[in-house]
Amino acid sequence: YLWSSLASYTNIFDSIKLDQSSSEVKRPGDTVQMSCVISGYSMTSRNIHWIRQRPGQALEWIGRMDTGNNSPRYGSSFQRRFTMTENVPSSTQYLEITSLTTDDSAVYFCARDHKTQ
């Protein structure tokens, strides 16, 4: 029942999309850059969050981008190798991770803030 309720709720926002780049396989020590292309609303009206989930683990908040200002804020565990940037004209957010380790293997998500700036 909860699933169908959520599905109905999300139909209201069909025109809002956050399209993420495809999955990649990297080696330890490599760098990866992920993108999140936003459509259906003005990107600069809502902050964007990056979240990850490692296998069998809880969600982890990486940080958020104060959109339009290229002003990222990072969670305490993600301040060294993680870099969030944005390209406002193309409505795209980026997350780059350097010096990858096996612990970085995860599903990474971008998400829109629930309230306007």
PDB file of N, CA and C in Angstrom:
ATOM      1  N   TYR A   1       0.823  -1.197   0.000  1.00  0.00           N
ATOM      2  CA  TYR A   1       0.000   0.000   0.000  1.00  0.00           C
ATOM      3  C   TYR A   1       0.858   1.249   0.000  1.00  0.00           C
ATOM      4  N   LEU A   2       1.897   1.252   0.797  1.00  0.00           N
ATOM      5  CA  LEU A   2       2.784   2.417   0.839  1.00  0.00           C
ATOM      6  C   LEU A   2       3.408   2.662  -0.524  1.00  0.00           C
ATOM      7  N   TRP A   3       3.819   1.591  -1.199  1.00  0.00           N
ATOM      8  CA  TRP A   3       4.459   1.748  -2.506  1.00  0.00           C
ATOM      9  C   TRP A   3       3.514   2.418  -3.494  1.00  0.00           C
ATOM     10  N   SER A   4       2.254   1.982  -3.534  1.00  0.00           N
ATOM     11  CA  SER A   4       1.320   2.574  -4.490  1.00  0.00           C
ATOM     12  C   SER A   4       1.023   4.025  -4.137  1.00  0.00           C
ATOM     13  N   SER A   5       0.995   4.347  -2.845  1.00  0.00           N
ATOM     14  CA  SER A   5       0.773   5.737  -2.443  1.00  0.00           C
ATOM     15  C   SER A   5       1.910   6.623  -2.917  1.00  0.00           C
ATOM     16  N   LEU A   6       3.135   6.143  -2.753  1.00  0.00           N
ATOM     17  CA  LEU A   6       4.287   6.927  -3.187  1.00  0.00           C
ATOM     18  C   LEU A   6       4.303   7.066  -4.702  1.00  0.00           C
ATOM     19  N   ALA A   7       3.955   6.010  -5.402  1.00  0.00           N
ATOM     20  CA  ALA A   7       3.941   6.068  -6.862  1.00  0.00           C
ATOM     21  C   ALA A   7       2.928   7.099  -7.344  1.00  0.00           C
ATOM     22  N   SER A   8       1.767   7.136  -6.715  1.00  0.00           N
ATOM     23  CA  SER A   8       0.759   8.116  -7.094  1.00  0.00           C
ATOM     24  C   SER A   8       1.243   9.528  -6.811  1.00  0.00           C
ATOM     25  N   TYR A   9       1.917   9.691  -5.699  1.00  0.00           N
ATOM     26  CA  TYR A   9       2.412  11.008  -5.316  1.00  0.00           C
ATOM     27  C   TYR A   9       3.448  11.510  -6.313  1.00  0.00           C
ATOM     28  N   THR A  10       4.340  10.631  -6.763  1.00  0.00           N
ATOM     29  CA  THR A  10       5.398  11.074  -7.662  1.00  0.00           C
ATOM     30  C   THR A  10       4.860  11.427  -9.042  1.00  0.00           C
ATOM     31  N   ASN A  11       3.692  10.930  -9.418  1.00  0.00           N
ATOM     32  CA  ASN A  11       3.132  11.266 -10.724  1.00  0.00           C
ATOM     33  C   ASN A  11       2.875  12.755 -10.880  1.00  0.00           C
ATOM     34  N   ILE A  12       2.684  13.451  -9.787  1.00  0.00           N
ATOM     35  CA  ILE A  12       2.476  14.897  -9.828  1.00  0.00           C
ATOM     36  C   ILE A  12       3.691  15.584 -10.432  1.00  0.00           C
ATOM     37  N   PHE A  13       4.858  15.002 -10.229  1.00  0.00           N
ATOM     38  CA  PHE A  13       6.107  15.640 -10.611  1.00  0.00           C
ATOM     39  C   PHE A  13       6.743  14.985 -11.836  1.00  0.00           C
ATOM     40  N   ASP A  14       5.936  14.408 -12.721  1.00  0.00           N
ATOM     41  CA  ASP A  14       6.482  13.699 -13.877  1.00  0.00           C
ATOM     42  C   ASP A  14       7.414  14.554 -14.719  1.00  0.00           C
ATOM     43  N   SER A  15       7.185  15.853 -14.767  1.00  0.00           N
ATOM     44  CA  SER A  15       8.013  16.701 -15.627  1.00  0.00           C
ATOM     45  C   SER A  15       9.347  17.061 -14.981  1.00  0.00           C
ATOM     46  N   ILE A  16       9.514  16.777 -13.697  1.00  0.00           N
ATOM     47  CA  ILE A  16      10.770  17.067 -12.997  1.00  0.00           C
ATOM     48  C   ILE A  16      11.661  15.839 -13.090  1.00  0.00           C
ATOM     49  N   LYS A  17      12.866  16.034 -13.655  1.00  0.00           N
ATOM     50  CA  LYS A  17      13.772  14.897 -13.831  1.00  0.00           C
ATOM     51  C   LYS A  17      15.172  15.250 -13.364  1.00  0.00           C
ATOM     52  N   LEU A  18      15.807  14.294 -12.719  1.00  0.00           N
ATOM     53  CA  LEU A  18      17.221  14.366 -12.370  1.00  0.00           C
ATOM     54  C   LEU A  18      17.861  13.138 -13.006  1.00  0.00           C
ATOM     55  N   ASP A  19      18.492  13.334 -14.138  1.00  0.00           N
ATOM     56  CA  ASP A  19      19.062  12.230 -14.910  1.00  0.00           C
ATOM     57  C   ASP A  19      20.539  12.074 -14.591  1.00  0.00           C
ATOM     58  N   GLN A  20      20.887  10.924 -14.053  1.00  0.00           N
ATOM     59  CA  GLN A  20      22.273  10.675 -13.655  1.00  0.00           C
ATOM     60  C   GLN A  20      23.035   9.933 -14.746  1.00  0.00           C
ATOM     61  N   SER A  21      24.351  10.110 -14.714  1.00  0.00           N
ATOM     62  CA  SER A  21      25.215   9.433 -15.674  1.00  0.00           C
ATOM     63  C   SER A  21      25.193   7.927 -15.426  1.00  0.00           C
ATOM     64  N   SER A  22      25.630   7.183 -16.432  1.00  0.00           N
ATOM     65  CA  SER A  22      25.617   5.720 -16.363  1.00  0.00           C
ATOM     66  C   SER A  22      26.621   5.197 -15.344  1.00  0.00           C
ATOM     67  N   SER A  23      26.404   3.962 -14.920  1.00  0.00           N
ATOM     68  CA  SER A  23      27.329   3.306 -13.992  1.00  0.00           C
ATOM     69  C   SER A  23      28.703   3.142 -14.641  1.00  0.00           C
ATOM     70  N   GLU A  24      29.718   3.147 -13.806  1.00  0.00           N
ATOM     71  CA  GLU A  24      31.090   2.966 -14.286  1.00  0.00           C
ATOM     72  C   GLU A  24      31.824   1.994 -13.378  1.00  0.00           C
ATOM     73  N   VAL A  25      32.770   1.283 -13.958  1.00  0.00           N
ATOM     74  CA  VAL A  25      33.664   0.422 -13.191  1.00  0.00           C
ATOM     75  C   VAL A  25      35.036   1.071 -13.208  1.00  0.00           C
ATOM     76  N   LYS A  26      35.590   1.301 -12.037  1.00  0.00           N
ATOM     77  CA  LYS A  26      36.897   1.954 -11.904  1.00  0.00           C
ATOM     78  C   LYS A  26      37.804   1.102 -11.030  1.00  0.00           C
ATOM     79  N   ARG A  27      39.082   1.399 -11.088  1.00  0.00           N
ATOM     80  CA  ARG A  27      40.073   0.696 -10.266  1.00  0.00           C
ATOM     81  C   ARG A  27      40.471   1.563  -9.086  1.00  0.00           C
ATOM     82  N   PRO A  28      40.932   0.945  -8.006  1.00  0.00           N
ATOM     83  CA  PRO A  28      41.448   1.741  -6.882  1.00  0.00           C
ATOM     84  C   PRO A  28      42.519   2.718  -7.364  1.00  0.00           C
ATOM     85  N   GLY A  29      42.413   3.948  -6.868  1.00  0.00           N
ATOM     86  CA  GLY A  29      43.345   4.997  -7.265  1.00  0.00           C
ATOM     87  C   GLY A  29      42.834   5.873  -8.387  1.00  0.00           C
ATOM     88  N   ASP A  30      41.829   5.398  -9.139  1.00  0.00           N
ATOM     89  CA  ASP A  30      41.265   6.181 -10.240  1.00  0.00           C
ATOM     90  C   ASP A  30      40.425   7.344  -9.717  1.00  0.00           C
ATOM     91  N   THR A  31      39.996   8.174 -10.659  1.00  0.00           N
ATOM     92  CA  THR A  31      39.066   9.274 -10.394  1.00  0.00           C
ATOM     93  C   THR A  31      37.794   9.014 -11.183  1.00  0.00           C
ATOM     94  N   VAL A  32      36.654   9.360 -10.605  1.00  0.00           N
ATOM     95  CA  VAL A  32      35.383   9.242 -11.314  1.00  0.00           C
ATOM     96  C   VAL A  32      34.623  10.554 -11.175  1.00  0.00           C
ATOM     97  N   GLN A  33      33.914  10.931 -12.241  1.00  0.00           N
ATOM     98  CA  GLN A  33      33.030  12.092 -12.175  1.00  0.00           C
ATOM     99  C   GLN A  33      31.638  11.659 -12.610  1.00  0.00           C
ATOM    100  N   MET A  34      30.660  11.940 -11.759  1.00  0.00           N
ATOM    101  CA  MET A  34      29.264  11.631 -12.042  1.00  0.00           C
ATOM    102  C   MET A  34      28.530  12.925 -12.333  1.00  0.00           C
ATOM    103  N   SER A  35      27.507  12.836 -13.164  1.00  0.00           N
ATOM    104  CA  SER A  35      26.716  14.021 -13.476  1.00  0.00           C
ATOM    105  C   SER A  35      25.252  13.789 -13.136  1.00  0.00           C
ATOM    106  N   CYS A  36      24.566  14.896 -12.951  1.00  0.00           N
ATOM    107  CA  CYS A  36      23.138  14.891 -12.632  1.00  0.00           C
ATOM    108  C   CYS A  36      22.524  16.055 -13.408  1.00  0.00           C
ATOM    109  N   VAL A  37      21.825  15.730 -14.510  1.00  0.00           N
ATOM    110  CA  VAL A  37      21.233  16.750 -15.372  1.00  0.00           C
ATOM    111  C   VAL A  37      19.793  16.979 -14.932  1.00  0.00           C
ATOM    112  N   ILE A  38      19.484  18.235 -14.661  1.00  0.00           N
ATOM    113  CA  ILE A  38      18.199  18.599 -14.064  1.00  0.00           C
ATOM    114  C   ILE A  38      17.306  19.246 -15.114  1.00  0.00           C
ATOM    115  N   SER A  39      16.047  18.821 -15.152  1.00  0.00           N
ATOM    116  CA  SER A  39      15.082  19.433 -16.064  1.00  0.00           C
ATOM    117  C   SER A  39      13.717  19.494 -15.390  1.00  0.00           C
ATOM    118  N   GLY A  40      12.876  20.365 -15.915  1.00  0.00           N
ATOM    119  CA  GLY A  40      11.513  20.482 -15.406  1.00  0.00           C
ATOM    120  C   GLY A  40      11.317  21.561 -14.369  1.00  0.00           C
ATOM    121  N   TYR A  41      12.394  22.203 -13.961  1.00  0.00           N
ATOM    122  CA  TYR A  41      12.315  23.335 -13.040  1.00  0.00           C
ATOM    123  C   TYR A  41      13.642  24.081 -13.095  1.00  0.00           C
ATOM    124  N   SER A  42      13.689  25.260 -12.503  1.00  0.00           N
ATOM    125  CA  SER A  42      14.927  26.041 -12.478  1.00  0.00           C
ATOM    126  C   SER A  42      15.874  25.456 -11.435  1.00  0.00           C
ATOM    127  N   MET A  43      17.014  24.937 -11.893  1.00  0.00           N
ATOM    128  CA  MET A  43      17.952  24.270 -10.989  1.00  0.00           C
ATOM    129  C   MET A  43      18.349  25.150  -9.811  1.00  0.00           C
ATOM    130  N   THR A  44      18.463  26.443 -10.045  1.00  0.00           N
ATOM    131  CA  THR A  44      18.955  27.326  -8.983  1.00  0.00           C
ATOM    132  C   THR A  44      17.909  27.614  -7.911  1.00  0.00           C
ATOM    133  N   SER A  45      16.700  27.073  -8.062  1.00  0.00           N
ATOM    134  CA  SER A  45      15.659  27.313  -7.053  1.00  0.00           C
ATOM    135  C   SER A  45      15.699  26.308  -5.904  1.00  0.00           C
ATOM    136  N   ARG A  46      16.430  25.204  -6.077  1.00  0.00           N
ATOM    137  CA  ARG A  46      16.502  24.166  -5.038  1.00  0.00           C
ATOM    138  C   ARG A  46      17.931  23.667  -4.908  1.00  0.00           C
ATOM    139  N   ASN A  47      18.373  23.466  -3.682  1.00  0.00           N
ATOM    140  CA  ASN A  47      19.681  22.856  -3.470  1.00  0.00           C
ATOM    141  C   ASN A  47      19.647  21.401  -3.932  1.00  0.00           C
ATOM    142  N   ILE A  48      20.831  20.896  -4.298  1.00  0.00           N
ATOM    143  CA  ILE A  48      20.962  19.505  -4.726  1.00  0.00           C
ATOM    144  C   ILE A  48      21.856  18.768  -3.737  1.00  0.00           C
ATOM    145  N   HIS A  49      21.401  17.595  -3.336  1.00  0.00           N
ATOM    146  CA  HIS A  49      22.144  16.753  -2.395  1.00  0.00           C
ATOM    147  C   HIS A  49      22.721  15.554  -3.138  1.00  0.00           C
ATOM    148  N   TRP A  50      23.871  15.085  -2.660  1.00  0.00           N
ATOM    149  CA  TRP A  50      24.447  13.826  -3.128  1.00  0.00           C
ATOM    150  C   TRP A  50      24.455  12.849  -1.954  1.00  0.00           C
ATOM    151  N   ILE A  51      24.024  11.629  -2.238  1.00  0.00           N
ATOM    152  CA  ILE A  51      23.860  10.585  -1.226  1.00  0.00           C
ATOM    153  C   ILE A  51      24.428   9.298  -1.823  1.00  0.00           C
ATOM    154  N   ARG A  52      24.937   8.425  -0.980  1.00  0.00           N
ATOM    155  CA  ARG A  52      25.375   7.130  -1.493  1.00  0.00           C
ATOM    156  C   ARG A  52      24.879   6.013  -0.590  1.00  0.00           C
ATOM    157  N   GLN A  53      24.833   4.816  -1.165  1.00  0.00           N
ATOM    158  CA  GLN A  53      24.498   3.626  -0.385  1.00  0.00           C
ATOM    159  C   GLN A  53      25.445   2.505  -0.785  1.00  0.00           C
ATOM    160  N   ARG A  54      26.288   2.116   0.172  1.00  0.00           N
ATOM    161  CA  ARG A  54      27.192   0.991  -0.050  1.00  0.00           C
ATOM    162  C   ARG A  54      26.421  -0.309   0.176  1.00  0.00           C
ATOM    163  N   PRO A  55      26.883  -1.404  -0.425  1.00  0.00           N
ATOM    164  CA  PRO A  55      26.144  -2.675  -0.296  1.00  0.00           C
ATOM    165  C   PRO A  55      25.900  -3.050   1.167  1.00  0.00           C
ATOM    166  N   GLY A  56      24.634  -3.290   1.496  1.00  0.00           N
ATOM    167  CA  GLY A  56      24.270  -3.714   2.843  1.00  0.00           C
ATOM    168  C   GLY A  56      24.349  -2.635   3.900  1.00  0.00           C
ATOM    169  N   GLN A  57      24.546  -1.386   3.482  1.00  0.00           N
ATOM    170  CA  GLN A  57      24.716  -0.285   4.435  1.00  0.00           C
ATOM    171  C   GLN A  57      23.567   0.717   4.316  1.00  0.00           C
ATOM    172  N   ALA A  58      23.499   1.603   5.290  1.00  0.00           N
ATOM    173  CA  ALA A  58      22.501   2.673   5.279  1.00  0.00           C
ATOM    174  C   ALA A  58      22.915   3.763   4.293  1.00  0.00           C
ATOM    175  N   LEU A  59      21.980   4.620   3.965  1.00  0.00           N
ATOM    176  CA  LEU A  59      22.282   5.783   3.133  1.00  0.00           C
ATOM    177  C   LEU A  59      23.261   6.692   3.858  1.00  0.00           C
ATOM    178  N   GLU A  60      24.163   7.313   3.092  1.00  0.00           N
ATOM    179  CA  GLU A  60      25.119   8.273   3.649  1.00  0.00           C
ATOM    180  C   GLU A  60      24.985   9.591   2.893  1.00  0.00           C
ATOM    181  N   TRP A  61      24.887  10.685   3.629  1.00  0.00           N
ATOM    182  CA  TRP A  61      24.791  12.017   3.025  1.00  0.00           C
ATOM    183  C   TRP A  61      26.196  12.523   2.720  1.00  0.00           C
ATOM    184  N   ILE A  62      26.475  12.733   1.447  1.00  0.00           N
ATOM    185  CA  ILE A  62      27.786  13.228   1.026  1.00  0.00           C
ATOM    186  C   ILE A  62      27.865  14.738   1.210  1.00  0.00           C
ATOM    187  N   GLY A  63      26.822  15.427   0.790  1.00  0.00           N
ATOM    188  CA  GLY A  63      26.821  16.881   0.926  1.00  0.00           C
ATOM    189  C   GLY A  63      25.755  17.494   0.046  1.00  0.00           C
ATOM    190  N   ARG A  64      25.765  18.826   0.001  1.00  0.00           N
ATOM    191  CA  ARG A  64      24.782  19.527  -0.816  1.00  0.00           C
ATOM    192  C   ARG A  64      25.443  20.688  -1.531  1.00  0.00           C
ATOM    193  N   MET A  65      24.875  21.016  -2.672  1.00  0.00           N
ATOM    194  CA  MET A  65      25.312  22.173  -3.434  1.00  0.00           C
ATOM    195  C   MET A  65      24.278  23.273  -3.269  1.00  0.00           C
ATOM    196  N   ASP A  66      24.729  24.441  -2.808  1.00  0.00           N
ATOM    197  CA  ASP A  66      23.871  25.624  -2.816  1.00  0.00           C
ATOM    198  C   ASP A  66      23.848  26.118  -4.254  1.00  0.00           C
ATOM    199  N   THR A  67      22.849  25.708  -4.991  1.00  0.00           N
ATOM    200  CA  THR A  67      22.832  25.899  -6.434  1.00  0.00           C
ATOM    201  C   THR A  67      22.813  27.369  -6.824  1.00  0.00           C
ATOM    202  N   GLY A  68      23.491  27.631  -7.936  1.00  0.00           N
ATOM    203  CA  GLY A  68      23.603  28.992  -8.444  1.00  0.00           C
ATOM    204  C   GLY A  68      24.785  29.738  -7.890  1.00  0.00           C
ATOM    205  N   ASN A  69      25.346  29.244  -6.794  1.00  0.00           N
ATOM    206  CA  ASN A  69      26.496  29.893  -6.157  1.00  0.00           C
ATOM    207  C   ASN A  69      27.762  29.052  -6.250  1.00  0.00           C
ATOM    208  N   ASN A  70      27.648  27.839  -6.813  1.00  0.00           N
ATOM    209  CA  ASN A  70      28.762  26.886  -6.840  1.00  0.00           C
ATOM    210  C   ASN A  70      29.381  26.771  -5.449  1.00  0.00           C
ATOM    211  N   SER A  71      28.508  26.623  -4.454  1.00  0.00           N
ATOM    212  CA  SER A  71      28.921  26.633  -3.047  1.00  0.00           C
ATOM    213  C   SER A  71      28.543  25.305  -2.383  1.00  0.00           C
ATOM    214  N   PRO A  72      29.476  24.331  -2.384  1.00  0.00           N
ATOM    215  CA  PRO A  72      29.167  23.030  -1.789  1.00  0.00           C
ATOM    216  C   PRO A  72      29.391  23.000  -0.284  1.00  0.00           C
ATOM    217  N   ARG A  73      28.648  22.129   0.379  1.00  0.00           N
ATOM    218  CA  ARG A  73      28.850  21.840   1.802  1.00  0.00           C
ATOM    219  C   ARG A  73      28.908  20.331   1.942  1.00  0.00           C
ATOM    220  N   TYR A  74      29.940  19.856   2.619  1.00  0.00           N
ATOM    221  CA  TYR A  74      30.213  18.420   2.669  1.00  0.00           C
ATOM    222  C   TYR A  74      29.954  17.840   4.050  1.00  0.00           C
ATOM    223  N   GLY A  75      29.511  16.584   4.061  1.00  0.00           N
ATOM    224  CA  GLY A  75      29.453  15.836   5.301  1.00  0.00           C
ATOM    225  C   GLY A  75      30.863  15.603   5.818  1.00  0.00           C
ATOM    226  N   SER A  76      30.983  15.378   7.106  1.00  0.00           N
ATOM    227  CA  SER A  76      32.311  15.319   7.735  1.00  0.00           C
ATOM    228  C   SER A  76      33.200  14.224   7.159  1.00  0.00           C
ATOM    229  N   SER A  77      32.634  13.147   6.668  1.00  0.00           N
ATOM    230  CA  SER A  77      33.445  12.048   6.124  1.00  0.00           C
ATOM    231  C   SER A  77      33.819  12.242   4.657  1.00  0.00           C
ATOM    232  N   PHE A  78      33.362  13.325   4.046  1.00  0.00           N
ATOM    233  CA  PHE A  78      33.504  13.481   2.597  1.00  0.00           C
ATOM    234  C   PHE A  78      34.201  14.783   2.203  1.00  0.00           C
ATOM    235  N   GLN A  79      35.036  15.303   3.058  1.00  0.00           N
ATOM    236  CA  GLN A  79      35.629  16.614   2.803  1.00  0.00           C
ATOM    237  C   GLN A  79      36.951  16.567   2.045  1.00  0.00           C
ATOM    238  N   ARG A  80      37.567  15.401   1.921  1.00  0.00           N
ATOM    239  CA  ARG A  80      38.892  15.343   1.299  1.00  0.00           C
ATOM    240  C   ARG A  80      38.873  15.002  -0.188  1.00  0.00           C
ATOM    241  N   ARG A  81      38.291  13.884  -0.544  1.00  0.00           N
ATOM    242  CA  ARG A  81      38.402  13.373  -1.910  1.00  0.00           C
ATOM    243  C   ARG A  81      37.173  13.631  -2.773  1.00  0.00           C
ATOM    244  N   PHE A  82      36.142  14.216  -2.191  1.00  0.00           N
ATOM    245  CA  PHE A  82      34.873  14.425  -2.883  1.00  0.00           C
ATOM    246  C   PHE A  82      34.728  15.899  -3.247  1.00  0.00           C
ATOM    247  N   THR A  83      34.376  16.157  -4.506  1.00  0.00           N
ATOM    248  CA  THR A  83      34.214  17.538  -4.966  1.00  0.00           C
ATOM    249  C   THR A  83      32.908  17.662  -5.736  1.00  0.00           C
ATOM    250  N   MET A  84      32.039  18.562  -5.277  1.00  0.00           N
ATOM    251  CA  MET A  84      30.794  18.865  -5.972  1.00  0.00           C
ATOM    252  C   MET A  84      30.965  20.175  -6.729  1.00  0.00           C
ATOM    253  N   THR A  85      30.543  20.179  -7.991  1.00  0.00           N
ATOM    254  CA  THR A  85      30.565  21.397  -8.801  1.00  0.00           C
ATOM    255  C   THR A  85      29.260  21.467  -9.580  1.00  0.00           C
ATOM    256  N   GLU A  86      29.054  22.598 -10.253  1.00  0.00           N
ATOM    257  CA  GLU A  86      27.844  22.755 -11.049  1.00  0.00           C
ATOM    258  C   GLU A  86      28.127  23.561 -12.303  1.00  0.00           C
ATOM    259  N   ASN A  87      27.288  23.336 -13.313  1.00  0.00           N
ATOM    260  CA  ASN A  87      27.287  24.138 -14.527  1.00  0.00           C
ATOM    261  C   ASN A  87      25.867  24.652 -14.693  1.00  0.00           C
ATOM    262  N   VAL A  88      25.647  25.901 -14.318  1.00  0.00           N
ATOM    263  CA  VAL A  88      24.285  26.445 -14.308  1.00  0.00           C
ATOM    264  C   VAL A  88      23.676  26.500 -15.708  1.00  0.00           C
ATOM    265  N   PRO A  89      24.408  26.987 -16.748  1.00  0.00           N
ATOM    266  CA  PRO A  89      23.778  27.048 -18.077  1.00  0.00           C
ATOM    267  C   PRO A  89      23.264  25.702 -18.591  1.00  0.00           C
ATOM    268  N   SER A  90      23.942  24.616 -18.237  1.00  0.00           N
ATOM    269  CA  SER A  90      23.485  23.294 -18.691  1.00  0.00           C
ATOM    270  C   SER A  90      22.650  22.568 -17.635  1.00  0.00           C
ATOM    271  N   SER A  91      22.345  23.241 -16.526  1.00  0.00           N
ATOM    272  CA  SER A  91      21.548  22.657 -15.431  1.00  0.00           C
ATOM    273  C   SER A  91      22.101  21.301 -15.003  1.00  0.00           C
ATOM    274  N   THR A  92      23.413  21.266 -14.796  1.00  0.00           N
ATOM    275  CA  THR A  92      24.078  20.009 -14.455  1.00  0.00           C
ATOM    276  C   THR A  92      24.878  20.146 -13.174  1.00  0.00           C
ATOM    277  N   GLN A  93      24.739  19.145 -12.315  1.00  0.00           N
ATOM    278  CA  GLN A  93      25.538  19.035 -11.097  1.00  0.00           C
ATOM    279  C   GLN A  93      26.534  17.894 -11.289  1.00  0.00           C
ATOM    280  N   TYR A  94      27.697  18.031 -10.661  1.00  0.00           N
ATOM    281  CA  TYR A  94      28.736  17.010 -10.784  1.00  0.00           C
ATOM    282  C   TYR A  94      29.238  16.597  -9.404  1.00  0.00           C
ATOM    283  N   LEU A  95      29.607  15.328  -9.307  1.00  0.00           N
ATOM    284  CA  LEU A  95      30.309  14.817  -8.131  1.00  0.00           C
ATOM    285  C   LEU A  95      31.548  14.091  -8.629  1.00  0.00           C
ATOM    286  N   GLU A  96      32.711  14.536  -8.156  1.00  0.00           N
ATOM    287  CA  GLU A  96      33.972  13.887  -8.509  1.00  0.00           C
ATOM    288  C   GLU A  96      34.587  13.280  -7.262  1.00  0.00           C
ATOM    289  N   ILE A  97      35.091  12.061  -7.412  1.00  0.00           N
ATOM    290  CA  ILE A  97      35.782  11.378  -6.316  1.00  0.00           C
ATOM    291  C   ILE A  97      37.161  10.991  -6.823  1.00  0.00           C
ATOM    292  N   THR A  98      38.185  11.396  -6.090  1.00  0.00           N
ATOM    293  CA  THR A  98      39.558  11.068  -6.467  1.00  0.00           C
ATOM    294  C   THR A  98      40.085   9.939  -5.584  1.00  0.00           C
ATOM    295  N   SER A  99      41.187   9.351  -6.018  1.00  0.00           N
ATOM    296  CA  SER A  99      41.862   8.290  -5.247  1.00  0.00           C
ATOM    297  C   SER A  99      40.867   7.247  -4.746  1.00  0.00           C
ATOM    298  N   LEU A 100      40.108   6.703  -5.673  1.00  0.00           N
ATOM    299  CA  LEU A 100      39.065   5.741  -5.312  1.00  0.00           C
ATOM    300  C   LEU A 100      39.619   4.553  -4.535  1.00  0.00           C
ATOM    301  N   THR A 101      38.810   4.088  -3.587  1.00  0.00           N
ATOM    302  CA  THR A 101      39.121   2.874  -2.838  1.00  0.00           C
ATOM    303  C   THR A 101      37.946   1.912  -2.992  1.00  0.00           C
ATOM    304  N   THR A 102      38.134   0.683  -2.576  1.00  0.00           N
ATOM    305  CA  THR A 102      37.036  -0.284  -2.661  1.00  0.00           C
ATOM    306  C   THR A 102      35.852   0.146  -1.788  1.00  0.00           C
ATOM    307  N   ASP A 103      36.108   0.908  -0.742  1.00  0.00           N
ATOM    308  CA  ASP A 103      35.025   1.407   0.118  1.00  0.00           C
ATOM    309  C   ASP A 103      34.124   2.410  -0.595  1.00  0.00           C
ATOM    310  N   ASP A 104      34.570   2.947  -1.724  1.00  0.00           N
ATOM    311  CA  ASP A 104      33.751   3.894  -2.483  1.00  0.00           C
ATOM    312  C   ASP A 104      32.755   3.193  -3.399  1.00  0.00           C
ATOM    313  N   SER A 105      32.814   1.864  -3.467  1.00  0.00           N
ATOM    314  CA  SER A 105      31.848   1.115  -4.280  1.00  0.00           C
ATOM    315  C   SER A 105      30.466   1.284  -3.667  1.00  0.00           C
ATOM    316  N   ALA A 106      29.556   1.887  -4.432  1.00  0.00           N
ATOM    317  CA  ALA A 106      28.240   2.227  -3.894  1.00  0.00           C
ATOM    318  C   ALA A 106      27.333   2.670  -5.029  1.00  0.00           C
ATOM    319  N   VAL A 107      26.063   2.810  -4.714  1.00  0.00           N
ATOM    320  CA  VAL A 107      25.119   3.497  -5.588  1.00  0.00           C
ATOM    321  C   VAL A 107      25.081   4.945  -5.125  1.00  0.00           C
ATOM    322  N   TYR A 108      25.287   5.870  -6.064  1.00  0.00           N
ATOM    323  CA  TYR A 108      25.314   7.298  -5.762  1.00  0.00           C
ATOM    324  C   TYR A 108      24.063   7.949  -6.340  1.00  0.00           C
ATOM    325  N   PHE A 109      23.450   8.823  -5.546  1.00  0.00           N
ATOM    326  CA  PHE A 109      22.212   9.482  -5.942  1.00  0.00           C
ATOM    327  C   PHE A 109      22.370  10.997  -5.856  1.00  0.00           C
ATOM    328  N   CYS A 110      21.754  11.702  -6.786  1.00  0.00           N
ATOM    329  CA  CYS A 110      21.526  13.134  -6.589  1.00  0.00           C
ATOM    330  C   CYS A 110      20.049  13.299  -6.237  1.00  0.00           C
ATOM    331  N   ALA A 111      19.755  14.291  -5.432  1.00  0.00           N
ATOM    332  CA  ALA A 111      18.378  14.498  -4.975  1.00  0.00           C
ATOM    333  C   ALA A 111      18.113  15.984  -4.809  1.00  0.00           C
ATOM    334  N   ARG A 112      16.911  16.375  -5.129  1.00  0.00           N
ATOM    335  CA  ARG A 112      16.505  17.773  -5.022  1.00  0.00           C
ATOM    336  C   ARG A 112      16.026  18.078  -3.609  1.00  0.00           C
ATOM    337  N   ASP A 113      16.401  19.239  -3.099  1.00  0.00           N
ATOM    338  CA  ASP A 113      15.917  19.660  -1.786  1.00  0.00           C
ATOM    339  C   ASP A 113      14.396  19.811  -1.831  1.00  0.00           C
ATOM    340  N   HIS A 114      13.747  19.573  -0.706  1.00  0.00           N
ATOM    341  CA  HIS A 114      12.284  19.642  -0.658  1.00  0.00           C
ATOM    342  C   HIS A 114      11.746  21.066  -0.591  1.00  0.00           C
ATOM    343  N   LYS A 115      12.597  22.034  -0.294  1.00  0.00           N
ATOM    344  CA  LYS A 115      12.120  23.417  -0.169  1.00  0.00           C
ATOM    345  C   LYS A 115      12.937  24.339  -1.058  1.00  0.00           C
ATOM    346  N   THR A 116      12.337  25.452  -1.435  1.00  0.00           N
ATOM    347  CA  THR A 116      13.045  26.423  -2.261  1.00  0.00           C
ATOM    348  C   THR A 116      14.056  27.178  -1.422  1.00  0.00           C
ATOM    349  N   GLN A 117      15.067  27.730  -2.114  1.00  0.00           N
ATOM    350  CA  GLN A 117      16.116  28.482  -1.408  1.00  0.00           C
ATOM    351  C   GLN A 117      15.570  29.807  -0.912  1.00  0.00           C
TER     352      GLN A 117
END
